[in-house]
Amino acid sequence: MIKSITFTDFCSGIGGGRIGLENLGMTCLGFSEIDKDAELTYREFFGKDEVNYGDLMQINSNDLPKKETHD
């Protein structure tokens, strides 16, 4: 069985990079964006329940998905 690569969309903007990675078969586990307008657009594209980890410089690595589920 081939495992899908998982990622967090850091400095996500509105999610353009995510679209490319998902088109390659990868799975997004959350995103990091501090611009509120970009976050609103991102949520319109990918869903209201997406996890935003906020400011990349303030993220606690323990808050990210566990290593077993996150590449």
PDB file of N, CA and C in Angstrom:
ATOM      1  N   MET A   1       0.841  -1.184   0.000  1.00  0.00           N
ATOM      2  CA  MET A   1       0.000   0.000   0.000  1.00  0.00           C
ATOM      3  C   MET A   1       0.888   1.251   0.000  1.00  0.00           C
ATOM      4  N   ILE A   2       0.631   2.173  -0.888  1.00  0.00           N
ATOM      5  CA  ILE A   2       1.398   3.413  -0.966  1.00  0.00           C
ATOM      6  C   ILE A   2       0.765   4.430  -0.031  1.00  0.00           C
ATOM      7  N   LYS A   3       1.584   4.993   0.849  1.00  0.00           N
ATOM      8  CA  LYS A   3       1.118   5.988   1.812  1.00  0.00           C
ATOM      9  C   LYS A   3       1.168   7.371   1.173  1.00  0.00           C
ATOM     10  N   SER A   4       0.114   8.135   1.350  1.00  0.00           N
ATOM     11  CA  SER A   4       0.090   9.513   0.880  1.00  0.00           C
ATOM     12  C   SER A   4       0.982  10.373   1.772  1.00  0.00           C
ATOM     13  N   ILE A   5       1.725  11.275   1.173  1.00  0.00           N
ATOM     14  CA  ILE A   5       2.546  12.210   1.942  1.00  0.00           C
ATOM     15  C   ILE A   5       1.624  13.269   2.538  1.00  0.00           C
ATOM     16  N   THR A   6       1.825  13.582   3.804  1.00  0.00           N
ATOM     17  CA  THR A   6       1.023  14.599   4.483  1.00  0.00           C
ATOM     18  C   THR A   6       1.894  15.820   4.762  1.00  0.00           C
ATOM     19  N   PHE A   7       1.263  16.983   4.837  1.00  0.00           N
ATOM     20  CA  PHE A   7       2.004  18.226   5.045  1.00  0.00           C
ATOM     21  C   PHE A   7       1.148  19.250   5.776  1.00  0.00           C
ATOM     22  N   THR A   8       1.819  20.251   6.336  1.00  0.00           N
ATOM     23  CA  THR A   8       1.169  21.439   6.869  1.00  0.00           C
ATOM     24  C   THR A   8       1.491  22.577   5.918  1.00  0.00           C
ATOM     25  N   ASP A   9       0.511  23.363   5.573  1.00  0.00           N
ATOM     26  CA  ASP A   9       0.657  24.449   4.612  1.00  0.00           C
ATOM     27  C   ASP A   9       1.101  25.717   5.348  1.00  0.00           C
ATOM     28  N   PHE A  10       2.424  25.841   5.560  1.00  0.00           N
ATOM     29  CA  PHE A  10       2.978  27.003   6.265  1.00  0.00           C
ATOM     30  C   PHE A  10       3.015  28.221   5.345  1.00  0.00           C
ATOM     31  N   CYS A  11       2.796  29.417   5.915  1.00  0.00           N
ATOM     32  CA  CYS A  11       2.762  30.676   5.137  1.00  0.00           C
ATOM     33  C   CYS A  11       1.846  30.477   3.937  1.00  0.00           C
ATOM     34  N   SER A  12       0.645  30.015   4.207  1.00  0.00           N
ATOM     35  CA  SER A  12      -0.250  29.478   3.188  1.00  0.00           C
ATOM     36  C   SER A  12      -0.846  30.499   2.234  1.00  0.00           C
ATOM     37  N   GLY A  13      -0.963  31.749   2.652  1.00  0.00           N
ATOM     38  CA  GLY A  13      -1.672  32.703   1.801  1.00  0.00           C
ATOM     39  C   GLY A  13      -3.090  32.212   1.586  1.00  0.00           C
ATOM     40  N   ILE A  14      -3.524  32.155   0.343  1.00  0.00           N
ATOM     41  CA  ILE A  14      -4.883  31.668   0.051  1.00  0.00           C
ATOM     42  C   ILE A  14      -4.894  30.204  -0.366  1.00  0.00           C
ATOM     43  N   GLY A  15      -3.730  29.536  -0.334  1.00  0.00           N
ATOM     44  CA  GLY A  15      -3.692  28.099  -0.567  1.00  0.00           C
ATOM     45  C   GLY A  15      -3.237  27.637  -1.937  1.00  0.00           C
ATOM     46  N   GLY A  16      -2.614  28.507  -2.716  1.00  0.00           N
ATOM     47  CA  GLY A  16      -2.158  28.118  -4.049  1.00  0.00           C
ATOM     48  C   GLY A  16      -1.181  26.955  -4.026  1.00  0.00           C
ATOM     49  N   GLY A  17      -0.243  26.979  -3.079  1.00  0.00           N
ATOM     50  CA  GLY A  17       0.718  25.877  -2.965  1.00  0.00           C
ATOM     51  C   GLY A  17       0.041  24.574  -2.597  1.00  0.00           C
ATOM     52  N   ARG A  18      -0.945  24.661  -1.732  1.00  0.00           N
ATOM     53  CA  ARG A  18      -1.690  23.469  -1.312  1.00  0.00           C
ATOM     54  C   ARG A  18      -2.366  22.807  -2.500  1.00  0.00           C
ATOM     55  N   ILE A  19      -2.949  23.608  -3.361  1.00  0.00           N
ATOM     56  CA  ILE A  19      -3.629  23.050  -4.530  1.00  0.00           C
ATOM     57  C   ILE A  19      -2.659  22.215  -5.355  1.00  0.00           C
ATOM     58  N   GLY A  20      -1.459  22.735  -5.576  1.00  0.00           N
ATOM     59  CA  GLY A  20      -0.462  21.996  -6.342  1.00  0.00           C
ATOM     60  C   GLY A  20      -0.070  20.694  -5.672  1.00  0.00           C
ATOM     61  N   LEU A  21       0.174  20.737  -4.358  1.00  0.00           N
ATOM     62  CA  LEU A  21       0.571  19.528  -3.631  1.00  0.00           C
ATOM     63  C   LEU A  21      -0.557  18.497  -3.601  1.00  0.00           C
ATOM     64  N   GLU A  22      -1.782  18.956  -3.404  1.00  0.00           N
ATOM     65  CA  GLU A  22      -2.912  18.020  -3.412  1.00  0.00           C
ATOM     66  C   GLU A  22      -3.126  17.423  -4.802  1.00  0.00           C
ATOM     67  N   ASN A  23      -2.856  18.187  -5.848  1.00  0.00           N
ATOM     68  CA  ASN A  23      -2.966  17.647  -7.211  1.00  0.00           C
ATOM     69  C   ASN A  23      -1.947  16.539  -7.457  1.00  0.00           C
ATOM     70  N   LEU A  24      -0.881  16.512  -6.653  1.00  0.00           N
ATOM     71  CA  LEU A  24       0.123  15.448  -6.735  1.00  0.00           C
ATOM     72  C   LEU A  24      -0.206  14.279  -5.813  1.00  0.00           C
ATOM     73  N   GLY A  25      -1.348  14.358  -5.102  1.00  0.00           N
ATOM     74  CA  GLY A  25      -1.789  13.263  -4.251  1.00  0.00           C
ATOM     75  C   GLY A  25      -1.445  13.408  -2.785  1.00  0.00           C
ATOM     76  N   MET A  26      -0.891  14.550  -2.397  1.00  0.00           N
ATOM     77  CA  MET A  26      -0.537  14.765  -0.987  1.00  0.00           C
ATOM     78  C   MET A  26      -1.758  15.236  -0.203  1.00  0.00           C
ATOM     79  N   THR A  27      -1.690  15.116   1.145  1.00  0.00           N
ATOM     80  CA  THR A  27      -2.816  15.462   2.017  1.00  0.00           C
ATOM     81  C   THR A  27      -2.400  16.546   2.996  1.00  0.00           C
ATOM     82  N   CYS A  28      -3.187  17.612   3.078  1.00  0.00           N
ATOM     83  CA  CYS A  28      -2.913  18.726   3.990  1.00  0.00           C
ATOM     84  C   CYS A  28      -3.573  18.461   5.342  1.00  0.00           C
ATOM     85  N   LEU A  29      -2.807  18.689   6.408  1.00  0.00           N
ATOM     86  CA  LEU A  29      -3.305  18.459   7.771  1.00  0.00           C
ATOM     87  C   LEU A  29      -3.594  19.750   8.533  1.00  0.00           C
ATOM     88  N   GLY A  30      -3.381  20.881   7.919  1.00  0.00           N
ATOM     89  CA  GLY A  30      -3.613  22.165   8.563  1.00  0.00           C
ATOM     90  C   GLY A  30      -2.797  23.233   7.863  1.00  0.00           C
ATOM     91  N   PHE A  31      -2.973  24.473   8.290  1.00  0.00           N
ATOM     92  CA  PHE A  31      -2.255  25.565   7.648  1.00  0.00           C
ATOM     93  C   PHE A  31      -1.813  26.601   8.671  1.00  0.00           C
ATOM     94  N   SER A  32      -0.947  27.488   8.223  1.00  0.00           N
ATOM     95  CA  SER A  32      -0.421  28.556   9.064  1.00  0.00           C
ATOM     96  C   SER A  32      -0.485  29.855   8.275  1.00  0.00           C
ATOM     97  N   GLU A  33      -1.323  30.771   8.726  1.00  0.00           N
ATOM     98  CA  GLU A  33      -1.460  32.068   8.048  1.00  0.00           C
ATOM     99  C   GLU A  33      -1.876  33.123   9.062  1.00  0.00           C
ATOM    100  N   ILE A  34      -1.244  34.304   9.009  1.00  0.00           N
ATOM    101  CA  ILE A  34      -1.581  35.368   9.951  1.00  0.00           C
ATOM    102  C   ILE A  34      -2.430  36.477   9.334  1.00  0.00           C
ATOM    103  N   ASP A  35      -2.466  36.557   8.009  1.00  0.00           N
ATOM    104  CA  ASP A  35      -3.283  37.572   7.352  1.00  0.00           C
ATOM    105  C   ASP A  35      -4.745  37.125   7.393  1.00  0.00           C
ATOM    106  N   LYS A  36      -5.571  37.889   8.060  1.00  0.00           N
ATOM    107  CA  LYS A  36      -6.972  37.492   8.268  1.00  0.00           C
ATOM    108  C   LYS A  36      -7.769  37.411   6.973  1.00  0.00           C
ATOM    109  N   ASP A  37      -7.497  38.314   6.020  1.00  0.00           N
ATOM    110  CA  ASP A  37      -8.215  38.253   4.738  1.00  0.00           C
ATOM    111  C   ASP A  37      -7.817  36.996   3.962  1.00  0.00           C
ATOM    112  N   ALA A  38      -6.520  36.678   3.959  1.00  0.00           N
ATOM    113  CA  ALA A  38      -6.060  35.456   3.299  1.00  0.00           C
ATOM    114  C   ALA A  38      -6.687  34.227   3.966  1.00  0.00           C
ATOM    115  N   GLU A  39      -6.773  34.253   5.302  1.00  0.00           N
ATOM    116  CA  GLU A  39      -7.373  33.125   6.024  1.00  0.00           C
ATOM    117  C   GLU A  39      -8.837  32.938   5.631  1.00  0.00           C
ATOM    118  N   LEU A  40      -9.578  34.030   5.508  1.00  0.00           N
ATOM    119  CA  LEU A  40     -10.987  33.931   5.104  1.00  0.00           C
ATOM    120  C   LEU A  40     -11.118  33.288   3.724  1.00  0.00           C
ATOM    121  N   THR A  41     -10.274  33.698   2.791  1.00  0.00           N
ATOM    122  CA  THR A  41     -10.294  33.120   1.445  1.00  0.00           C
ATOM    123  C   THR A  41      -9.906  31.650   1.487  1.00  0.00           C
ATOM    124  N   TYR A  42      -8.857  31.325   2.263  1.00  0.00           N
ATOM    125  CA  TYR A  42      -8.400  29.946   2.409  1.00  0.00           C
ATOM    126  C   TYR A  42      -9.536  29.060   2.904  1.00  0.00           C
ATOM    127  N   ARG A  43     -10.248  29.540   3.894  1.00  0.00           N
ATOM    128  CA  ARG A  43     -11.361  28.766   4.459  1.00  0.00           C
ATOM    129  C   ARG A  43     -12.513  28.612   3.458  1.00  0.00           C
ATOM    130  N   GLU A  44     -12.723  29.606   2.610  1.00  0.00           N
ATOM    131  CA  GLU A  44     -13.737  29.480   1.554  1.00  0.00           C
ATOM    132  C   GLU A  44     -13.345  28.385   0.577  1.00  0.00           C
ATOM    133  N   PHE A  45     -12.058  28.294   0.268  1.00  0.00           N
ATOM    134  CA  PHE A  45     -11.564  27.285  -0.676  1.00  0.00           C
ATOM    135  C   PHE A  45     -11.558  25.881  -0.083  1.00  0.00           C
ATOM    136  N   PHE A  46     -11.148  25.754   1.197  1.00  0.00           N
ATOM    137  CA  PHE A  46     -10.855  24.436   1.755  1.00  0.00           C
ATOM    138  C   PHE A  46     -11.732  24.017   2.929  1.00  0.00           C
ATOM    139  N   GLY A  47     -12.586  24.878   3.407  1.00  0.00           N
ATOM    140  CA  GLY A  47     -13.506  24.506   4.475  1.00  0.00           C
ATOM    141  C   GLY A  47     -13.295  25.293   5.753  1.00  0.00           C
ATOM    142  N   LYS A  48     -14.382  25.508   6.424  1.00  0.00           N
ATOM    143  CA  LYS A  48     -14.376  26.316   7.653  1.00  0.00           C
ATOM    144  C   LYS A  48     -13.682  25.623   8.820  1.00  0.00           C
ATOM    145  N   ASP A  49     -13.588  24.288   8.782  1.00  0.00           N
ATOM    146  CA  ASP A  49     -13.033  23.538   9.906  1.00  0.00           C
ATOM    147  C   ASP A  49     -11.529  23.295   9.811  1.00  0.00           C
ATOM    148  N   GLU A  50     -10.881  23.853   8.798  1.00  0.00           N
ATOM    149  CA  GLU A  50      -9.427  23.690   8.665  1.00  0.00           C
ATOM    150  C   GLU A  50      -8.724  24.285   9.895  1.00  0.00           C
ATOM    151  N   VAL A  51      -7.662  23.627  10.347  1.00  0.00           N
ATOM    152  CA  VAL A  51      -6.910  24.094  11.514  1.00  0.00           C
ATOM    153  C   VAL A  51      -5.871  25.114  11.071  1.00  0.00           C
ATOM    154  N   ASN A  52      -5.962  26.349  11.622  1.00  0.00           N
ATOM    155  CA  ASN A  52      -4.949  27.375  11.382  1.00  0.00           C
ATOM    156  C   ASN A  52      -4.046  27.436  12.612  1.00  0.00           C
ATOM    157  N   TYR A  53      -2.775  27.105  12.417  1.00  0.00           N
ATOM    158  CA  TYR A  53      -1.822  27.121  13.524  1.00  0.00           C
ATOM    159  C   TYR A  53      -1.279  28.516  13.791  1.00  0.00           C
ATOM    160  N   GLY A  54      -1.691  29.505  13.000  1.00  0.00           N
ATOM    161  CA  GLY A  54      -1.333  30.894  13.257  1.00  0.00           C
ATOM    162  C   GLY A  54       0.081  31.250  12.830  1.00  0.00           C
ATOM    163  N   ASP A  55       0.672  32.162  13.573  1.00  0.00           N
ATOM    164  CA  ASP A  55       1.985  32.719  13.264  1.00  0.00           C
ATOM    165  C   ASP A  55       3.063  31.635  13.271  1.00  0.00           C
ATOM    166  N   LEU A  56       3.702  31.459  12.141  1.00  0.00           N
ATOM    167  CA  LEU A  56       4.740  30.438  11.990  1.00  0.00           C
ATOM    168  C   LEU A  56       5.829  30.574  13.049  1.00  0.00           C
ATOM    169  N   MET A  57       6.148  31.793  13.426  1.00  0.00           N
ATOM    170  CA  MET A  57       7.217  32.019  14.401  1.00  0.00           C
ATOM    171  C   MET A  57       6.782  31.716  15.836  1.00  0.00           C
ATOM    172  N   GLN A  58       5.492  31.491  16.044  1.00  0.00           N
ATOM    173  CA  GLN A  58       4.963  31.245  17.383  1.00  0.00           C
ATOM    174  C   GLN A  58       4.423  29.825  17.575  1.00  0.00           C
ATOM    175  N   ILE A  59       4.503  28.998  16.546  1.00  0.00           N
ATOM    176  CA  ILE A  59       3.932  27.645  16.625  1.00  0.00           C
ATOM    177  C   ILE A  59       4.726  26.782  17.593  1.00  0.00           C
ATOM    178  N   ASN A  60       4.005  26.103  18.466  1.00  0.00           N
ATOM    179  CA  ASN A  60       4.600  25.102  19.343  1.00  0.00           C
ATOM    180  C   ASN A  60       4.551  23.782  18.576  1.00  0.00           C
ATOM    181  N   SER A  61       5.708  23.171  18.359  1.00  0.00           N
ATOM    182  CA  SER A  61       5.748  21.947  17.561  1.00  0.00           C
ATOM    183  C   SER A  61       4.881  20.835  18.146  1.00  0.00           C
ATOM    184  N   ASN A  62       4.615  20.886  19.437  1.00  0.00           N
ATOM    185  CA  ASN A  62       3.744  19.889  20.058  1.00  0.00           C
ATOM    186  C   ASN A  62       2.289  20.046  19.628  1.00  0.00           C
ATOM    187  N   ASP A  63       1.941  21.211  19.074  1.00  0.00           N
ATOM    188  CA  ASP A  63       0.577  21.450  18.610  1.00  0.00           C
ATOM    189  C   ASP A  63       0.333  20.914  17.200  1.00  0.00           C
ATOM    190  N   LEU A  64       1.415  20.594  16.475  1.00  0.00           N
ATOM    191  CA  LEU A  64       1.284  20.065  15.116  1.00  0.00           C
ATOM    192  C   LEU A  64       0.876  18.598  15.178  1.00  0.00           C
ATOM    193  N   PRO A  65       0.345  18.070  14.071  1.00  0.00           N
ATOM    194  CA  PRO A  65      -0.011  16.632  14.053  1.00  0.00           C
ATOM    195  C   PRO A  65       1.185  15.772  14.454  1.00  0.00           C
ATOM    196  N   LYS A  66       0.895  14.648  15.066  1.00  0.00           N
ATOM    197  CA  LYS A  66       1.937  13.733  15.515  1.00  0.00           C
ATOM    198  C   LYS A  66       2.776  13.236  14.353  1.00  0.00           C
ATOM    199  N   LYS A  67       4.028  12.915  14.625  1.00  0.00           N
ATOM    200  CA  LYS A  67       4.970  12.484  13.594  1.00  0.00           C
ATOM    201  C   LYS A  67       4.440  11.316  12.779  1.00  0.00           C
ATOM    202  N   GLU A  68       3.704  10.400  13.416  1.00  0.00           N
ATOM    203  CA  GLU A  68       3.182   9.234  12.697  1.00  0.00           C
ATOM    204  C   GLU A  68       2.219   9.625  11.589  1.00  0.00           C
ATOM    205  N   THR A  69       1.567  10.774  11.716  1.00  0.00           N
ATOM    206  CA  THR A  69       0.570  11.182  10.728  1.00  0.00           C
ATOM    207  C   THR A  69       1.034  12.352   9.889  1.00  0.00           C
ATOM    208  N   HIS A  70       2.229  12.848  10.131  1.00  0.00           N
ATOM    209  CA  HIS A  70       2.695  14.084   9.503  1.00  0.00           C
ATOM    210  C   HIS A  70       4.082  13.876   8.930  1.00  0.00           C
ATOM    211  N   ASP A  71       4.225  14.108   7.635  1.00  0.00           N
ATOM    212  CA  ASP A  71       5.524  13.963   6.983  1.00  0.00           C
ATOM    213  C   ASP A  71       6.259  15.275   6.979  1.00  0.00           C
TER     214      ASP A  71
END
